[in-house]
Structures are given as C-alpha cells and as structure tokens.
C-alpha cells in the first residue's frame, strides 16, 4: 500500500565534479531523466561550499511512498 505525497521538499547534497561550473549554478532538477524532456522542478540553493559540494532543497510535486 503506498501513499501519495504532494509538494514534498527533498534535500540533496551534491558533490561538485569537473563537469560543473565552479559555483554549481548550472545545477538543475527535473521530474524525469534529462534526455526525456522532463519538466524543471522548483528548488532552492541552501549552501555552496567552496565548489566542493552544494546543498539543495527541491520541491517534488507528487511522490509515492
């Protein structure tokens, strides 16, 4: 039995790699894989730590748990 949540905020801690811009301002979140023309998701940048990693909060419109 699953429950569907709406407007769920998910936390992501993402490690910077050499493909990313130094300030990680090219980071984006989508509701499907990038090569499937997904819809962009709203997100907030919490903190970027010296281009080592970033903390993000992403709004997930609906998710089954």
PDB file of N, CA and C in Angstrom:
ATOM      1  N   UNK A   1       0.842  -1.181   0.000  1.00  0.00           N
ATOM      2  CA  UNK A   1       0.000   0.000   0.000  1.00  0.00           C
ATOM      3  C   UNK A   1       0.886   1.242   0.000  1.00  0.00           C
ATOM      4  N   UNK A   2       0.685   2.132  -0.921  1.00  0.00           N
ATOM      5  CA  UNK A   2       1.500   3.346  -0.962  1.00  0.00           C
ATOM      6  C   UNK A   2       0.633   4.577  -0.716  1.00  0.00           C
ATOM      7  N   UNK A   3       1.301   5.611  -0.275  1.00  0.00           N
ATOM      8  CA  UNK A   3       0.664   6.895  -0.012  1.00  0.00           C
ATOM      9  C   UNK A   3       1.279   7.904  -0.966  1.00  0.00           C
ATOM     10  N   UNK A   4       0.477   8.792  -1.500  1.00  0.00           N
ATOM     11  CA  UNK A   4       0.994   9.814  -2.407  1.00  0.00           C
ATOM     12  C   UNK A   4       1.115  11.142  -1.662  1.00  0.00           C
ATOM     13  N   UNK A   5       2.335  11.677  -1.646  1.00  0.00           N
ATOM     14  CA  UNK A   5       2.591  12.972  -1.024  1.00  0.00           C
ATOM     15  C   UNK A   5       2.565  14.049  -2.091  1.00  0.00           C
ATOM     16  N   UNK A   6       2.112  15.234  -1.735  1.00  0.00           N
ATOM     17  CA  UNK A   6       2.133  16.366  -2.660  1.00  0.00           C
ATOM     18  C   UNK A   6       2.985  17.476  -2.069  1.00  0.00           C
ATOM     19  N   UNK A   7       3.656  18.195  -2.958  1.00  0.00           N
ATOM     20  CA  UNK A   7       4.535  19.308  -2.582  1.00  0.00           C
ATOM     21  C   UNK A   7       5.535  18.897  -1.502  1.00  0.00           C
ATOM     22  N   UNK A   8       6.201  17.793  -1.760  1.00  0.00           N
ATOM     23  CA  UNK A   8       7.206  17.257  -0.845  1.00  0.00           C
ATOM     24  C   UNK A   8       8.540  17.946  -1.104  1.00  0.00           C
ATOM     25  N   UNK A   9       9.204  18.398  -0.046  1.00  0.00           N
ATOM     26  CA  UNK A   9      10.518  19.027  -0.178  1.00  0.00           C
ATOM     27  C   UNK A   9      11.592  17.992   0.118  1.00  0.00           C
ATOM     28  N   UNK A  10      12.456  17.753  -0.863  1.00  0.00           N
ATOM     29  CA  UNK A  10      13.533  16.776  -0.719  1.00  0.00           C
ATOM     30  C   UNK A  10      14.868  17.506  -0.600  1.00  0.00           C
ATOM     31  N   UNK A  11      15.741  16.989   0.251  1.00  0.00           N
ATOM     32  CA  UNK A  11      17.075  17.552   0.463  1.00  0.00           C
ATOM     33  C   UNK A  11      18.080  16.756  -0.357  1.00  0.00           C
ATOM     34  N   UNK A  12      18.974  17.469  -1.051  1.00  0.00           N
ATOM     35  CA  UNK A  12      20.039  16.833  -1.820  1.00  0.00           C
ATOM     36  C   UNK A  12      21.369  17.471  -1.459  1.00  0.00           C
ATOM     37  N   UNK A  13      22.366  16.640  -1.204  1.00  0.00           N
ATOM     38  CA  UNK A  13      23.738  17.080  -1.000  1.00  0.00           C
ATOM     39  C   UNK A  13      24.514  16.545  -2.197  1.00  0.00           C
ATOM     40  N   UNK A  14      24.982  17.444  -3.063  1.00  0.00           N
ATOM     41  CA  UNK A  14      25.598  17.045  -4.330  1.00  0.00           C
ATOM     42  C   UNK A  14      27.066  17.438  -4.330  1.00  0.00           C
ATOM     43  N   UNK A  15      27.923  16.460  -4.602  1.00  0.00           N
ATOM     44  CA  UNK A  15      29.358  16.707  -4.682  1.00  0.00           C
ATOM     45  C   UNK A  15      29.691  17.340  -6.029  1.00  0.00           C
ATOM     46  N   UNK A  16      30.508  18.375  -5.996  1.00  0.00           N
ATOM     47  CA  UNK A  16      30.934  19.063  -7.221  1.00  0.00           C
ATOM     48  C   UNK A  16      31.890  18.159  -7.995  1.00  0.00           C
ATOM     49  N   UNK A  17      31.767  18.163  -9.330  1.00  0.00           N
ATOM     50  CA  UNK A  17      32.754  17.477 -10.161  1.00  0.00           C
ATOM     51  C   UNK A  17      33.189  18.408 -11.284  1.00  0.00           C
ATOM     52  N   UNK A  18      34.173  17.995 -12.054  1.00  0.00           N
ATOM     53  CA  UNK A  18      34.774  18.888 -13.041  1.00  0.00           C
ATOM     54  C   UNK A  18      33.841  19.241 -14.194  1.00  0.00           C
ATOM     55  N   UNK A  19      32.708  18.550 -14.358  1.00  0.00           N
ATOM     56  CA  UNK A  19      31.741  18.900 -15.394  1.00  0.00           C
ATOM     57  C   UNK A  19      30.915  20.131 -15.016  1.00  0.00           C
ATOM     58  N   UNK A  20      30.870  20.457 -13.736  1.00  0.00           N
ATOM     59  CA  UNK A  20      30.017  21.541 -13.237  1.00  0.00           C
ATOM     60  C   UNK A  20      30.757  22.875 -13.232  1.00  0.00           C
ATOM     61  N   UNK A  21      29.977  23.954 -13.284  1.00  0.00           N
ATOM     62  CA  UNK A  21      30.556  25.278 -13.113  1.00  0.00           C
ATOM     63  C   UNK A  21      31.042  25.409 -11.671  1.00  0.00           C
ATOM     64  N   UNK A  22      32.044  26.251 -11.431  1.00  0.00           N
ATOM     65  CA  UNK A  22      32.618  26.363 -10.089  1.00  0.00           C
ATOM     66  C   UNK A  22      31.597  26.653  -8.985  1.00  0.00           C
ATOM     67  N   UNK A  23      30.641  27.533  -9.220  1.00  0.00           N
ATOM     68  CA  UNK A  23      29.645  27.857  -8.204  1.00  0.00           C
ATOM     69  C   UNK A  23      28.423  26.962  -8.233  1.00  0.00           C
ATOM     70  N   UNK A  24      28.436  25.932  -9.063  1.00  0.00           N
ATOM     71  CA  UNK A  24      27.338  24.969  -9.228  1.00  0.00           C
ATOM     72  C   UNK A  24      26.042  25.627  -9.698  1.00  0.00           C
ATOM     73  N   UNK A  25      26.135  26.806 -10.319  1.00  0.00           N
ATOM     74  CA  UNK A  25      24.922  27.488 -10.774  1.00  0.00           C
ATOM     75  C   UNK A  25      24.353  26.886 -12.056  1.00  0.00           C
ATOM     76  N   UNK A  26      24.947  25.812 -12.556  1.00  0.00           N
ATOM     77  CA  UNK A  26      24.372  25.090 -13.690  1.00  0.00           C
ATOM     78  C   UNK A  26      23.585  23.854 -13.227  1.00  0.00           C
ATOM     79  N   UNK A  27      23.401  23.695 -11.928  1.00  0.00           N
ATOM     80  CA  UNK A  27      22.651  22.565 -11.376  1.00  0.00           C
ATOM     81  C   UNK A  27      21.159  22.768 -11.613  1.00  0.00           C
ATOM     82  N   UNK A  28      20.492  21.737 -12.119  1.00  0.00           N
ATOM     83  CA  UNK A  28      19.052  21.777 -12.368  1.00  0.00           C
ATOM     84  C   UNK A  28      18.443  20.450 -11.935  1.00  0.00           C
ATOM     85  N   UNK A  29      17.159  20.470 -11.653  1.00  0.00           N
ATOM     86  CA  UNK A  29      16.425  19.272 -11.249  1.00  0.00           C
ATOM     87  C   UNK A  29      15.202  19.133 -12.143  1.00  0.00           C
ATOM     88  N   UNK A  30      14.932  17.889 -12.585  1.00  0.00           N
ATOM     89  CA  UNK A  30      13.818  17.607 -13.490  1.00  0.00           C
ATOM     90  C   UNK A  30      13.003  16.435 -12.962  1.00  0.00           C
ATOM     91  N   UNK A  31      11.765  16.324 -13.439  1.00  0.00           N
ATOM     92  CA  UNK A  31      10.893  15.243 -12.988  1.00  0.00           C
ATOM     93  C   UNK A  31      11.085  13.941 -13.757  1.00  0.00           C
ATOM     94  N   UNK A  32      12.064  13.881 -14.623  1.00  0.00           N
ATOM     95  CA  UNK A  32      12.431  12.666 -15.350  1.00  0.00           C
ATOM     96  C   UNK A  32      13.885  12.815 -15.767  1.00  0.00           C
ATOM     97  N   UNK A  33      14.451  11.823 -16.418  1.00  0.00           N
ATOM     98  CA  UNK A  33      15.836  11.952 -16.846  1.00  0.00           C
ATOM     99  C   UNK A  33      15.972  13.059 -17.889  1.00  0.00           C
ATOM    100  N   UNK A  34      17.123  13.685 -17.915  1.00  0.00           N
ATOM    101  CA  UNK A  34      17.337  14.867 -18.767  1.00  0.00           C
ATOM    102  C   UNK A  34      17.101  14.599 -20.246  1.00  0.00           C
ATOM    103  N   UNK A  35      17.399  13.402 -20.718  1.00  0.00           N
ATOM    104  CA  UNK A  35      17.247  13.124 -22.144  1.00  0.00           C
ATOM    105  C   UNK A  35      15.813  12.792 -22.535  1.00  0.00           C
ATOM    106  N   UNK A  36      14.864  12.887 -21.581  1.00  0.00           N
ATOM    107  CA  UNK A  36      13.458  12.612 -21.878  1.00  0.00           C
ATOM    108  C   UNK A  36      12.596  13.859 -21.813  1.00  0.00           C
ATOM    109  N   UNK A  37      13.200  15.038 -21.957  1.00  0.00           N
ATOM    110  CA  UNK A  37      12.473  16.313 -21.963  1.00  0.00           C
ATOM    111  C   UNK A  37      11.572  16.477 -20.744  1.00  0.00           C
ATOM    112  N   UNK A  38      12.125  16.261 -19.567  1.00  0.00           N
ATOM    113  CA  UNK A  38      11.361  16.404 -18.332  1.00  0.00           C
ATOM    114  C   UNK A  38      11.050  17.852 -18.014  1.00  0.00           C
ATOM    115  N   UNK A  39      10.160  18.033 -17.063  1.00  0.00           N
ATOM    116  CA  UNK A  39       9.786  19.366 -16.605  1.00  0.00           C
ATOM    117  C   UNK A  39      10.719  19.794 -15.483  1.00  0.00           C
ATOM    118  N   UNK A  40      11.189  21.047 -15.508  1.00  0.00           N
ATOM    119  CA  UNK A  40      12.060  21.510 -14.427  1.00  0.00           C
ATOM    120  C   UNK A  40      11.295  21.597 -13.109  1.00  0.00           C
ATOM    121  N   UNK A  41      11.979  21.269 -12.025  1.00  0.00           N
ATOM    122  CA  UNK A  41      11.399  21.344 -10.688  1.00  0.00           C
ATOM    123  C   UNK A  41      11.911  22.592  -9.978  1.00  0.00           C
ATOM    124  N   UNK A  42      11.065  23.183  -9.154  1.00  0.00           N
ATOM    125  CA  UNK A  42      11.482  24.323  -8.343  1.00  0.00           C
ATOM    126  C   UNK A  42      12.462  23.846  -7.278  1.00  0.00           C
ATOM    127  N   UNK A  43      13.476  24.662  -7.020  1.00  0.00           N
ATOM    128  CA  UNK A  43      14.454  24.305  -5.993  1.00  0.00           C
ATOM    129  C   UNK A  43      15.071  25.563  -5.401  1.00  0.00           C
ATOM    130  N   UNK A  44      15.640  25.412  -4.229  1.00  0.00           N
ATOM    131  CA  UNK A  44      16.382  26.477  -3.561  1.00  0.00           C
ATOM    132  C   UNK A  44      17.773  25.966  -3.259  1.00  0.00           C
ATOM    133  N   UNK A  45      18.743  26.845  -3.448  1.00  0.00           N
ATOM    134  CA  UNK A  45      20.113  26.534  -3.061  1.00  0.00           C
ATOM    135  C   UNK A  45      20.249  26.902  -1.590  1.00  0.00           C
ATOM    136  N   UNK A  46      20.602  25.932  -0.773  1.00  0.00           N
ATOM    137  CA  UNK A  46      20.815  26.226   0.640  1.00  0.00           C
ATOM    138  C   UNK A  46      22.217  26.786   0.829  1.00  0.00           C
ATOM    139  N   UNK A  47      23.234  26.013   0.440  1.00  0.00           N
ATOM    140  CA  UNK A  47      24.615  26.438   0.625  1.00  0.00           C
ATOM    141  C   UNK A  47      25.488  25.798  -0.438  1.00  0.00           C
ATOM    142  N   UNK A  48      26.481  26.553  -0.911  1.00  0.00           N
ATOM    143  CA  UNK A  48      27.537  26.017  -1.770  1.00  0.00           C
ATOM    144  C   UNK A  48      28.833  26.142  -0.978  1.00  0.00           C
ATOM    145  N   UNK A  49      29.546  25.060  -0.799  1.00  0.00           N
ATOM    146  CA  UNK A  49      30.762  25.047  -0.002  1.00  0.00           C
ATOM    147  C   UNK A  49      31.996  25.030  -0.894  1.00  0.00           C
ATOM    148  N   UNK A  50      32.533  26.211  -1.170  1.00  0.00           N
ATOM    149  CA  UNK A  50      33.803  26.363  -1.902  1.00  0.00           C
ATOM    150  C   UNK A  50      33.910  25.451  -3.112  1.00  0.00           C
ATOM    151  N   UNK A  51      32.842  25.310  -3.852  1.00  0.00           N
ATOM    152  CA  UNK A  51      32.797  24.462  -5.049  1.00  0.00           C
ATOM    153  C   UNK A  51      33.150  23.007  -4.753  1.00  0.00           C
ATOM    154  N   UNK A  52      33.018  22.576  -3.504  1.00  0.00           N
ATOM    155  CA  UNK A  52      33.235  21.172  -3.156  1.00  0.00           C
ATOM    156  C   UNK A  52      31.921  20.398  -3.194  1.00  0.00           C
ATOM    157  N   UNK A  53      30.875  20.991  -2.639  1.00  0.00           N
ATOM    158  CA  UNK A  53      29.553  20.375  -2.683  1.00  0.00           C
ATOM    159  C   UNK A  53      28.503  21.435  -2.422  1.00  0.00           C
ATOM    160  N   UNK A  54      27.262  21.113  -2.780  1.00  0.00           N
ATOM    161  CA  UNK A  54      26.159  22.033  -2.570  1.00  0.00           C
ATOM    162  C   UNK A  54      24.995  21.327  -1.913  1.00  0.00           C
ATOM    163  N   UNK A  55      24.219  22.099  -1.160  1.00  0.00           N
ATOM    164  CA  UNK A  55      23.019  21.579  -0.518  1.00  0.00           C
ATOM    165  C   UNK A  55      21.812  22.261  -1.142  1.00  0.00           C
ATOM    166  N   UNK A  56      20.852  21.451  -1.580  1.00  0.00           N
ATOM    167  CA  UNK A  56      19.694  21.943  -2.307  1.00  0.00           C
ATOM    168  C   UNK A  56      18.416  21.378  -1.697  1.00  0.00           C
ATOM    169  N   UNK A  57      17.343  22.162  -1.765  1.00  0.00           N
ATOM    170  CA  UNK A  57      16.006  21.708  -1.401  1.00  0.00           C
ATOM    171  C   UNK A  57      15.155  21.772  -2.659  1.00  0.00           C
ATOM    172  N   UNK A  58      14.583  20.628  -3.048  1.00  0.00           N
ATOM    173  CA  UNK A  58      13.836  20.507  -4.299  1.00  0.00           C
ATOM    174  C   UNK A  58      12.374  20.202  -3.978  1.00  0.00           C
ATOM    175  N   UNK A  59      11.470  20.943  -4.618  1.00  0.00           N
ATOM    176  CA  UNK A  59      10.037  20.721  -4.431  1.00  0.00           C
ATOM    177  C   UNK A  59       9.567  19.647  -5.407  1.00  0.00           C
ATOM    178  N   UNK A  60       9.116  18.517  -4.866  1.00  0.00           N
ATOM    179  CA  UNK A  60       8.615  17.400  -5.665  1.00  0.00           C
ATOM    180  C   UNK A  60       7.086  17.510  -5.676  1.00  0.00           C
ATOM    181  N   UNK A  61       6.469  17.756  -6.844  1.00  0.00           N
ATOM    182  CA  UNK A  61       5.013  17.957  -6.888  1.00  0.00           C
ATOM    183  C   UNK A  61       4.219  16.782  -6.321  1.00  0.00           C
ATOM    184  N   UNK A  62       4.542  15.556  -6.735  1.00  0.00           N
ATOM    185  CA  UNK A  62       3.896  14.355  -6.183  1.00  0.00           C
ATOM    186  C   UNK A  62       4.910  13.223  -6.152  1.00  0.00           C
ATOM    187  N   UNK A  63       4.819  12.422  -5.103  1.00  0.00           N
ATOM    188  CA  UNK A  63       5.714  11.268  -4.973  1.00  0.00           C
ATOM    189  C   UNK A  63       4.984  10.186  -4.187  1.00  0.00           C
ATOM    190  N   UNK A  64       5.132   8.946  -4.631  1.00  0.00           N
ATOM    191  CA  UNK A  64       4.531   7.816  -3.919  1.00  0.00           C
ATOM    192  C   UNK A  64       5.552   7.240  -2.954  1.00  0.00           C
ATOM    193  N   UNK A  65       5.110   7.002  -1.727  1.00  0.00           N
ATOM    194  CA  UNK A  65       5.998   6.419  -0.710  1.00  0.00           C
ATOM    195  C   UNK A  65       5.343   5.212  -0.079  1.00  0.00           C
TER     196      UNK A  65
END
